[in-house]
Structures are given as C-alpha cells and as structure tokens.
Amino acid sequence: MKILLLTVTAGYGHHATAKALADLFEQRGAETKIVDVYEYISKVVRTAISQGYLLSSKYTPELYRLFYTKTSKNREKLNKMNIVKIVNTLGAFKFEHFVDNFEPDAIVCTHVLAAHLISEMKNRHMVDAPCIGVVTDYCIHPYWEDVVNMEALVTASELITHTAVKRGIPEERILPLGIPIHPKFNRYISKEDACAELELDPERRTVLVMGGSMGYGNSRKLVRQITQLGLGCQILAVCGNNKRAYNRLKAFEQEYSGDCTLRVMGFVDNVELLMSAADCIITKPGGLTVSEAIAKGVPMILVNPIPGQEERNVEFLLNNGMASLVTKTFPLDDALYHLFHNPVRLRTVRESIRAIGHPDASEQLVNYVIGLVEQRQSNVQQVPDSESASGDALAGNGIT
C-alpha cells in the first residue's frame, strides 16, 4: 500500500502533521512519501508562499488579519482568474508525472493549497486514488469549501461541523477525528515518572514555556514575569530553532538568583515528556502544539497569537473553557495566579480538555484511510461472473 502525503511549507504544523501520519502508516506496513507540492512544481512559488506567510504574519499582522478575514467571508467559488486557481491548474500538469510514477493508493493533504491542487487534478481525471484533506487548526481555513473533489475532510472537533456546513462543506464529507499528532503524545506518562526522567521535583509546580521556532513574542519577558510571581516553580523554556531567544534566555538564566528553577533548551525531541511533567504550558496557539497539549491534558495559557488562524484557535479554546489568554490588560502573571489559585477553574479546564480532545486522531485517520483503500481494492477484485467469463473468452482469443 502506498500513501502520498502532500503539504505546503507555511509554518511548521502542516509538515509535522504529515510526518506524524507517515510514521504511523509505515508502522502499519505502508510505503509513504511526503512532498511539498510547490517545492516540486515551482521553488519560486514555494519560497513566495513560505516567506510571504512568515513576513506578513510577523511584520504586517494587520494586513494578514484583513486578508484572512476577507477570504474567510468570501462565499463565492474560486473564479478562473484567482491566483490559487491559476497556479494549481498549471501545476497539475507537472505534478501529474510525479503521481503517475509513485502510483499512490491514497492521498492525504495537510494544507488547503495542496488539497486544491489534488482536487483540480481529480476534476481533470489525472488522479484516481481516494483523497483526504486535513484541517490543522480549530477553524475552517479560507478556500476549504472550494475543495470539492475529496472523499473526506478531517476537522479538529465535532464542534466545528456547524461552521463547516455553513461554509458550504457537505456534512457527509466531514470527519471530526481531531488534528493528527504524533502517537507518542497519546501515551500516558505520570508527572512523577516524567519528573524523575527529567530530574525535576514532582512536588513543585512546573511551567513549560514554548516559544515557537518563528521568532514571535518575547520569551525572556514571559519567563521574567513567571519568576516575579513568587511561585517558586520549575520553568522549562523551549526555544526551538530560535537562536536569538535561546541566547537571551541563557543570559537571563545566568544572572537569575531567585526562588524558581530555570532550564533553557533549544530544539528538543521529547516535548511529550516535558508536557507530562508540566502543570501548565505557556504557548502560541498553533494548531499542532495546542493539540499536543490537549492530548497530554495540560492547561494552556496562550500568548502572541498570529492573526487569522491562531486567533480562531484562541476563540475555540477560550469559548470551550480549555485555556486562558494573555492580553495587555491580563498579563501572564495574572493568568498564572488565577490558574494556580483557583482549584475549581483548574479542574474544569482539565475536564473540558478530556471531553473535547481527540488524542487518538492520527490512529483514527490512518485506520480510516487503510479501510478506504482495502474496500476499494476489494471492490475491484469482485468482478461479476459475466465479466469474468467475457474476460476468459477474450484471453482465449489472445486479447488481454
């Protein structure tokens, strides 16, 4: 069985979702391939999308917010002159060669633009395999309603179904399985065991700060606010690939002499262990990080949302009692104080996370796709007797 996973480089989550699914498919014996569709079609387009997303969301957030809001409200189908339509129509003819060579049994798209490309190819009968789209945030991104040639669309929650239907997506195509994350986040690790492995004190509160890898926000400012609260907690600060944030926090770590314990890290591959040890996580509300925290049952304090999809994630999480949001008038120290000094709030947050979360989203999606492929293969093998007899007759005449 061959599974093709298609993504577009615009942020980290889309590729990470594809990688998590690929690992699980391979455990089930499938051959997989992850492809950035625009890396294959045109590196110029790929660079324009990835850099354009980073620059616009970071340096011109109001313009990005305006674009996202405008496209979200646009209910009309993509017209022939839309840039997405033009690029994918032209790209379909080039990408057809790749699909023909790989011969996938199913295609999974973790970005809406990749899904648009495959939908266009299916419309032109360039692709025959079943295709599934995956929405990697707690909202419906612009243009998903225009992806009409997909067997299913995976969403983050049943609570988003109403919005998706209002946006014009048929309910029978919606699969509210959750955002796929790596299966390791679905394995239970007690706080005591996690703290023992990390050499932390399980009796002290542990706060995990995830700064992200794109350079948003000020991790040093956040950590300083935690240390000034007087909680005497253990702070785990993960900077990812953000070297500037790492260096600034290391400098603060060396000069700090308070009652908190600070551990500064760069890129790590044991986030699931850090989350298991944490009593709360302070993070940007990216769809994947949020889903990992939900799978681990960790209360969230959200900071620095990117305009557009991350602001929609904030709305979903706050409206469902799963997180708090830091603002200019509700700073981080207030958010932490409220969380740790209100046991009822802390308990209801954890209950909401357990009720709404889908920690097994990856397993559910992989099972669905494999079942879809096996059913399709079974249907092909079940040839009617009359057709089989005709085929034998033709074979006997040397016609195959």
Protein backbone atom coordinates (compact mmCIF):
# COMPACT_ATOMS: atom_id res chain seq x y z
CA MET A 1 0.00 0.00 0.00
CA LYS A 2 1.36 3.42 -1.00
CA ILE A 3 0.27 6.62 0.76
CA LEU A 4 1.19 10.05 -0.61
CA LEU A 5 1.16 12.90 1.93
CA LEU A 6 1.10 16.39 0.45
CA THR A 7 1.84 19.63 2.27
CA VAL A 8 2.91 23.23 1.71
CA THR A 9 5.62 24.97 3.71
CA ALA A 10 3.79 27.76 5.54
CA GLY A 11 4.54 27.38 9.22
CA TYR A 12 5.65 24.15 10.88
CA GLY A 13 2.39 22.36 11.67
CA HIS A 14 1.39 21.18 8.20
CA HIS A 15 4.62 19.25 7.65
CA ALA A 16 4.67 17.92 11.23
CA THR A 17 1.15 16.55 10.78
CA ALA A 18 2.21 14.83 7.56
CA LYS A 19 5.28 13.38 9.30
CA ALA A 20 3.20 12.06 12.23
CA LEU A 21 0.82 10.32 9.83
CA ALA A 22 3.67 8.95 7.70
CA ASP A 23 5.29 7.34 10.75
CA LEU A 24 2.02 5.67 11.70
CA PHE A 25 1.27 4.49 8.16
CA GLU A 26 4.74 2.96 7.96
CA GLN A 27 4.16 1.13 11.25
CA ARG A 28 1.15 -0.42 9.53
CA GLY A 29 3.31 -1.60 6.64
CA ALA A 30 2.57 1.14 4.10
CA GLU A 31 5.09 2.89 1.89
CA THR A 32 4.84 6.66 2.28
CA LYS A 33 6.19 9.80 0.69
CA ILE A 34 5.87 13.38 1.96
CA VAL A 35 6.01 16.09 -0.69
CA ASP A 36 5.80 19.87 -0.56
CA VAL A 37 3.77 20.26 -3.74
CA TYR A 38 5.13 23.70 -4.59
CA GLU A 39 8.71 22.59 -3.92
CA TYR A 40 8.11 20.10 -6.74
CA ILE A 41 6.11 22.39 -9.04
CA SER A 42 7.99 25.67 -8.59
CA LYS A 43 10.57 26.64 -5.99
CA VAL A 44 9.80 30.29 -6.73
CA VAL A 45 6.15 29.78 -5.75
CA ARG A 46 7.19 27.72 -2.73
CA THR A 47 9.55 30.48 -1.49
CA ALA A 48 6.94 33.17 -2.14
CA ILE A 49 4.35 31.29 -0.06
CA SER A 50 6.61 30.35 2.86
CA GLN A 51 8.37 33.72 3.11
CA GLY A 52 5.19 35.64 2.38
CA TYR A 53 3.40 33.87 5.22
CA LEU A 54 6.24 34.48 7.66
CA LEU A 55 6.78 38.14 6.77
CA SER A 56 3.13 39.13 6.52
CA SER A 57 2.03 37.38 9.72
CA LYS A 58 5.02 38.66 11.69
CA TYR A 59 5.71 42.14 10.34
CA THR A 60 2.38 43.23 8.88
CA PRO A 61 -0.11 41.37 11.10
CA GLU A 62 -2.99 43.77 10.47
CA LEU A 63 -2.75 43.24 6.72
CA TYR A 64 -2.60 39.48 7.22
CA ARG A 65 -5.62 39.65 9.53
CA LEU A 66 -7.52 41.68 6.91
CA PHE A 67 -6.66 39.18 4.17
CA TYR A 68 -7.64 36.19 6.31
CA THR A 69 -10.94 37.78 7.37
CA LYS A 70 -11.82 38.83 3.83
CA THR A 71 -11.14 35.40 2.34
CA SER A 72 -12.97 33.69 5.22
CA LYS A 73 -16.10 35.71 4.49
CA ASN A 74 -15.94 35.20 0.74
CA ARG A 75 -18.58 32.57 -0.02
CA GLU A 76 -18.15 32.63 -3.81
CA LYS A 77 -16.33 29.82 -5.54
CA LEU A 78 -12.84 30.48 -6.84
CA ASN A 79 -13.11 32.03 -10.27
CA LYS A 80 -10.84 31.13 -13.14
CA MET A 81 -8.63 34.19 -12.65
CA ASN A 82 -7.93 33.56 -8.97
CA ILE A 83 -4.19 33.15 -8.39
CA VAL A 84 -4.71 29.87 -6.46
CA LYS A 85 -6.76 28.50 -9.36
CA ILE A 86 -4.19 29.59 -11.96
CA VAL A 87 -1.14 28.20 -10.12
CA ASN A 88 -2.81 24.87 -9.36
CA THR A 89 -4.22 24.46 -12.87
CA LEU A 90 -0.76 24.93 -14.35
CA GLY A 91 0.91 22.90 -11.62
CA ALA A 92 -1.47 19.98 -12.09
CA PHE A 93 0.09 19.05 -15.43
CA LYS A 94 3.60 18.99 -13.93
CA PHE A 95 2.64 17.17 -10.75
CA GLU A 96 0.73 14.52 -12.74
CA HIS A 97 4.06 12.91 -13.67
CA PHE A 98 5.03 12.52 -10.02
CA VAL A 99 1.68 10.97 -9.09
CA ASP A 100 1.83 8.59 -12.05
CA ASN A 101 5.33 7.44 -11.08
CA PHE A 102 4.53 6.90 -7.39
CA GLU A 103 1.07 5.35 -8.03
CA PRO A 104 -0.43 6.10 -4.58
CA ASP A 105 -3.33 4.09 -3.22
CA ALA A 106 -4.47 7.15 -1.26
CA ILE A 107 -3.51 10.81 -0.95
CA VAL A 108 -3.66 12.86 2.26
CA CYS A 109 -3.33 16.66 2.06
CA THR A 110 -2.38 18.61 5.20
CA HIS A 111 -2.61 22.06 3.61
CA VAL A 112 -5.53 23.64 1.78
CA LEU A 113 -3.43 24.64 -1.25
CA ALA A 114 -2.18 21.07 -1.69
CA ALA A 115 -5.78 19.91 -1.42
CA HIS A 116 -6.78 22.43 -4.10
CA LEU A 117 -4.13 21.06 -6.43
CA ILE A 118 -5.30 17.47 -6.00
CA SER A 119 -8.95 18.49 -6.30
CA GLU A 120 -8.12 20.15 -9.62
CA MET A 121 -6.27 17.03 -10.76
CA LYS A 122 -9.20 14.80 -9.80
CA ASN A 123 -11.51 17.12 -11.72
CA ARG A 124 -9.32 16.58 -14.79
CA HIS A 125 -9.16 12.78 -14.17
CA MET A 126 -5.42 12.96 -13.52
CA VAL A 127 -5.84 11.28 -10.13
CA ASP A 128 -7.94 8.22 -9.35
CA ALA A 129 -6.87 7.44 -5.77
CA PRO A 130 -9.11 8.45 -2.83
CA CYS A 131 -8.06 11.79 -1.33
CA ILE A 132 -8.49 13.17 2.19
CA GLY A 133 -7.94 16.74 3.35
CA VAL A 134 -6.78 17.58 6.88
CA VAL A 135 -7.50 20.93 8.55
CA THR A 136 -4.71 21.63 11.05
CA ASP A 137 -6.39 24.36 13.12
CA TYR A 138 -9.53 24.72 15.22
CA CYS A 139 -11.37 26.55 12.45
CA ILE A 140 -12.08 26.17 8.74
CA HIS A 141 -9.38 27.93 6.74
CA PRO A 142 -10.37 30.03 3.72
CA TYR A 143 -10.87 28.07 0.49
CA TRP A 144 -11.54 24.65 2.05
CA GLU A 145 -15.13 24.96 0.85
CA ASP A 146 -13.77 25.09 -2.71
CA VAL A 147 -12.01 21.72 -2.39
CA VAL A 148 -14.88 19.73 -3.85
CA ASN A 149 -13.16 16.58 -5.14
CA MET A 150 -12.20 14.95 -1.85
CA GLU A 151 -13.60 11.83 -0.24
CA ALA A 152 -13.40 13.41 3.22
CA LEU A 153 -12.28 16.47 5.16
CA VAL A 154 -10.81 15.86 8.62
CA THR A 155 -11.55 18.60 11.18
CA ALA A 156 -10.34 19.25 14.72
CA SER A 157 -13.66 18.73 16.51
CA GLU A 158 -17.34 17.91 16.16
CA LEU A 159 -17.98 21.43 17.41
CA ILE A 160 -16.64 22.83 14.13
CA THR A 161 -19.08 20.85 11.97
CA HIS A 162 -21.78 23.53 12.16
CA THR A 163 -19.34 26.19 10.91
CA ALA A 164 -18.08 23.92 8.13
CA VAL A 165 -21.60 23.26 6.88
CA LYS A 166 -22.36 26.99 6.94
CA ARG A 167 -19.27 27.47 4.79
CA GLY A 168 -20.74 25.11 2.19
CA ILE A 169 -18.95 21.84 3.02
CA PRO A 170 -21.34 18.84 2.84
CA GLU A 171 -21.74 17.30 6.29
CA GLU A 172 -21.37 13.76 4.94
CA ARG A 173 -17.80 14.60 3.87
CA ILE A 174 -16.76 15.92 7.30
CA LEU A 175 -14.71 13.64 9.57
CA PRO A 176 -14.30 15.29 13.00
CA LEU A 177 -11.46 13.00 14.06
CA GLY A 178 -9.21 15.72 15.51
CA ILE A 179 -5.88 17.16 14.39
CA PRO A 180 -3.41 14.31 13.77
CA ILE A 181 -0.38 14.43 16.07
CA HIS A 182 2.45 12.02 16.71
CA PRO A 183 1.23 8.87 18.53
CA LYS A 184 3.81 9.40 21.30
CA PHE A 185 1.58 12.17 22.69
CA ASN A 186 -1.16 9.60 23.19
CA ARG A 187 0.95 7.53 25.61
CA TYR A 188 0.29 8.22 29.27
CA ILE A 189 3.27 9.26 31.40
CA SER A 190 2.65 10.25 35.01
CA LYS A 191 4.03 13.53 36.29
CA GLU A 192 6.15 11.61 38.79
CA ASP A 193 7.75 9.45 36.09
CA ALA A 194 8.30 12.43 33.77
CA CYS A 195 9.89 14.48 36.54
CA ALA A 196 12.11 11.58 37.52
CA GLU A 197 13.38 11.23 33.95
CA LEU A 198 13.93 14.99 33.64
CA GLU A 199 15.48 15.23 37.11
CA LEU A 200 12.77 17.60 38.36
CA ASP A 201 10.99 17.79 41.70
CA PRO A 202 7.45 16.34 41.29
CA GLU A 203 6.27 18.26 44.38
CA ARG A 204 6.95 21.65 42.78
CA ARG A 205 4.82 23.31 40.12
CA THR A 206 6.35 23.02 36.67
CA VAL A 207 5.63 25.59 33.95
CA LEU A 208 6.52 24.82 30.33
CA VAL A 209 7.16 27.79 28.04
CA MET A 210 7.08 27.01 24.31
CA GLY A 211 8.41 29.98 22.35
CA GLY A 212 7.93 28.56 18.88
CA SER A 213 10.50 28.48 16.08
CA MET A 214 9.38 31.53 14.07
CA GLY A 215 10.60 34.24 16.41
CA TYR A 216 7.28 35.58 17.66
CA GLY A 217 6.92 37.19 21.06
CA ASN A 218 9.48 37.73 23.81
CA SER A 219 10.25 34.55 25.72
CA ARG A 220 12.61 36.35 28.10
CA LYS A 221 9.85 38.75 29.12
CA LEU A 222 7.46 35.85 29.73
CA VAL A 223 9.97 33.94 31.84
CA ARG A 224 10.85 37.04 33.84
CA GLN A 225 7.16 37.54 34.67
CA ILE A 226 6.91 33.96 35.94
CA THR A 227 9.94 34.38 38.19
CA GLN A 228 8.48 37.56 39.70
CA LEU A 229 5.27 35.86 40.81
CA GLY A 230 6.79 34.11 43.81
CA LEU A 231 5.58 30.60 42.92
CA GLY A 232 9.00 29.04 43.35
CA CYS A 233 8.24 26.89 40.32
CA GLN A 234 10.35 24.95 37.82
CA ILE A 235 10.41 26.68 34.44
CA LEU A 236 11.18 24.72 31.28
CA ALA A 237 11.79 27.16 28.42
CA VAL A 238 11.92 25.62 24.93
CA CYS A 239 13.18 27.94 22.19
CA GLY A 240 13.17 25.56 19.24
CA ASN A 241 15.40 26.87 16.43
CA ASN A 242 15.11 30.46 17.62
CA LYS A 243 18.78 31.14 18.49
CA ARG A 244 18.15 34.74 19.49
CA ALA A 245 15.54 33.73 22.06
CA TYR A 246 17.81 30.94 23.31
CA ASN A 247 20.78 33.27 23.82
CA ARG A 248 18.66 35.89 25.58
CA LEU A 249 17.19 33.30 27.94
CA LYS A 250 20.56 31.71 28.66
CA ALA A 251 21.87 35.13 29.62
CA PHE A 252 18.89 35.63 31.92
CA GLU A 253 19.40 32.14 33.39
CA GLN A 254 22.98 33.00 34.33
CA GLU A 255 22.05 36.27 36.05
CA TYR A 256 18.89 34.99 37.79
CA SER A 257 19.13 34.15 41.51
CA GLY A 258 15.50 33.85 42.65
CA ASP A 259 13.41 31.00 44.02
CA CYS A 260 12.47 29.50 40.65
CA THR A 261 14.48 26.87 38.80
CA LEU A 262 15.07 27.73 35.16
CA ARG A 263 16.10 25.30 32.43
CA VAL A 264 16.59 26.75 28.92
CA MET A 265 16.51 24.43 25.90
CA GLY A 266 16.80 24.84 22.15
CA PHE A 267 15.29 22.28 19.81
CA VAL A 268 14.07 19.19 21.67
CA ASP A 269 12.56 15.88 20.60
CA ASN A 270 10.91 14.99 23.92
CA VAL A 271 8.11 17.56 24.10
CA GLU A 272 5.69 14.81 25.14
CA LEU A 273 7.84 14.17 28.23
CA LEU A 274 8.08 17.89 29.06
CA MET A 275 4.30 18.22 28.78
CA SER A 276 3.80 15.21 31.04
CA ALA A 277 5.88 16.93 33.72
CA ALA A 278 4.16 20.31 33.31
CA ASP A 279 1.28 21.71 35.36
CA CYS A 280 0.58 24.21 32.60
CA ILE A 281 2.00 25.28 29.26
CA ILE A 282 2.53 28.83 28.01
CA THR A 283 2.47 28.77 24.23
CA LYS A 284 1.43 30.34 20.99
CA PRO A 285 -1.89 28.81 19.88
CA GLY A 286 -0.65 26.91 16.84
CA GLY A 287 -2.97 24.06 15.91
CA LEU A 288 -0.42 21.29 16.35
CA THR A 289 1.07 22.47 19.67
CA VAL A 290 -2.42 23.02 21.06
CA SER A 291 -3.46 19.51 20.01
CA GLU A 292 -0.36 18.01 21.62
CA ALA A 293 -1.13 19.86 24.87
CA ILE A 294 -4.75 18.68 24.72
CA ALA A 295 -3.61 15.09 24.22
CA LYS A 296 -1.47 15.45 27.34
CA GLY A 297 -4.26 17.13 29.29
CA VAL A 298 -2.14 20.20 30.10
CA PRO A 299 -3.93 23.51 30.89
CA MET A 300 -2.87 26.22 28.45
CA ILE A 301 -2.08 29.91 28.77
CA LEU A 302 -1.98 31.36 25.26
CA VAL A 303 0.29 34.19 24.12
CA ASN A 304 1.06 36.06 20.91
CA PRO A 305 -1.49 34.51 18.51
CA ILE A 306 -0.78 35.07 14.83
CA PRO A 307 -3.65 36.98 13.20
CA GLY A 308 -6.03 34.73 11.33
CA GLN A 309 -6.00 31.04 12.13
CA GLU A 310 -4.34 31.29 15.55
CA GLU A 311 -6.83 33.93 16.65
CA ARG A 312 -9.57 31.48 15.63
CA ASN A 313 -7.84 28.78 17.68
CA VAL A 314 -7.92 31.13 20.67
CA GLU A 315 -11.65 31.70 20.23
CA PHE A 316 -12.33 27.96 20.12
CA LEU A 317 -10.21 27.17 23.17
CA LEU A 318 -11.48 30.06 25.30
CA ASN A 319 -15.12 29.54 24.39
CA ASN A 320 -14.81 25.89 25.39
CA GLY A 321 -13.06 26.54 28.69
CA MET A 322 -9.76 24.93 27.71
CA ALA A 323 -7.32 27.83 28.04
CA SER A 324 -6.61 31.39 29.19
CA LEU A 325 -5.32 34.24 27.02
CA VAL A 326 -2.65 36.78 27.94
CA THR A 327 -3.50 40.33 26.87
CA LYS A 328 -2.22 43.82 27.63
CA THR A 329 -4.72 44.10 30.47
CA PHE A 330 -4.43 40.47 31.62
CA PRO A 331 -0.68 39.76 31.77
CA LEU A 332 0.97 36.41 32.24
CA ASP A 333 1.50 36.72 35.98
CA ASP A 334 -2.24 37.34 36.46
CA ALA A 335 -3.11 34.38 34.24
CA LEU A 336 -0.82 32.05 36.21
CA TYR A 337 -2.05 33.35 39.55
CA HIS A 338 -5.69 32.79 38.55
CA LEU A 339 -4.96 29.28 37.29
CA PHE A 340 -2.99 28.06 40.30
CA HIS A 341 -5.12 29.75 42.95
CA ASN A 342 -8.50 28.62 41.63
CA PRO A 343 -8.77 24.82 42.01
CA VAL A 344 -12.28 24.79 40.53
CA ARG A 345 -11.03 26.52 37.39
CA LEU A 346 -8.06 24.19 37.13
CA ARG A 347 -10.31 21.15 37.48
CA THR A 348 -12.87 22.35 34.90
CA VAL A 349 -10.13 23.19 32.39
CA ARG A 350 -8.80 19.64 32.62
CA GLU A 351 -12.32 18.20 32.36
CA SER A 352 -13.02 20.30 29.25
CA ILE A 353 -9.78 19.14 27.67
CA ARG A 354 -10.65 15.49 28.28
CA ALA A 355 -14.20 15.95 26.96
CA ILE A 356 -13.32 17.77 23.74
CA GLY A 357 -9.88 16.45 22.83
CA HIS A 358 -9.07 13.75 20.26
CA PRO A 359 -5.68 12.36 21.33
CA ASP A 360 -6.11 9.35 19.01
CA ALA A 361 -6.76 11.44 15.87
CA SER A 362 -3.77 10.02 13.97
CA GLU A 363 -4.72 6.41 14.67
CA GLN A 364 -8.33 7.07 13.69
CA LEU A 365 -7.35 8.73 10.42
CA VAL A 366 -4.84 6.02 9.49
CA ASN A 367 -7.48 3.35 10.17
CA TYR A 368 -9.97 5.24 8.02
CA VAL A 369 -7.58 5.62 5.08
CA ILE A 370 -6.43 1.99 5.20
CA GLY A 371 -10.05 0.85 5.37
CA LEU A 372 -10.91 3.06 2.40
CA VAL A 373 -8.06 1.60 0.33
CA GLU A 374 -8.84 -2.00 1.28
CA GLN A 375 -12.52 -1.54 0.45
CA ARG A 376 -11.60 -0.03 -2.89
CA GLN A 377 -9.23 -2.89 -3.68
CA SER A 378 -11.89 -5.41 -2.63
CA ASN A 379 -14.44 -3.83 -4.95
CA VAL A 380 -12.01 -4.00 -7.87
CA GLN A 381 -11.35 -7.70 -7.24
CA GLN A 382 -15.05 -8.58 -7.10
CA VAL A 383 -15.61 -8.92 -10.84
CA PRO A 384 -19.12 -10.10 -11.88
CA ASP A 385 -19.33 -13.63 -13.30
CA SER A 386 -20.43 -12.39 -16.69
CA GLU A 387 -17.47 -10.02 -16.94
CA SER A 388 -15.12 -12.78 -15.77
CA ALA A 389 -16.48 -15.17 -18.41
CA SER A 390 -16.11 -12.49 -21.10
CA GLY A 391 -12.56 -11.88 -19.96
CA ASP A 392 -11.73 -15.62 -20.18
CA ALA A 393 -13.12 -15.74 -23.68
CA LEU A 394 -11.08 -12.73 -24.75
CA ALA A 395 -7.96 -14.19 -23.17
CA GLY A 396 -8.56 -17.41 -25.08
CA ASN A 397 -8.54 -15.42 -28.29
CA GLY A 398 -5.22 -13.81 -27.41
CA ILE A 399 -6.86 -10.46 -26.44
CA THR A 400 -5.84 -9.20 -22.94
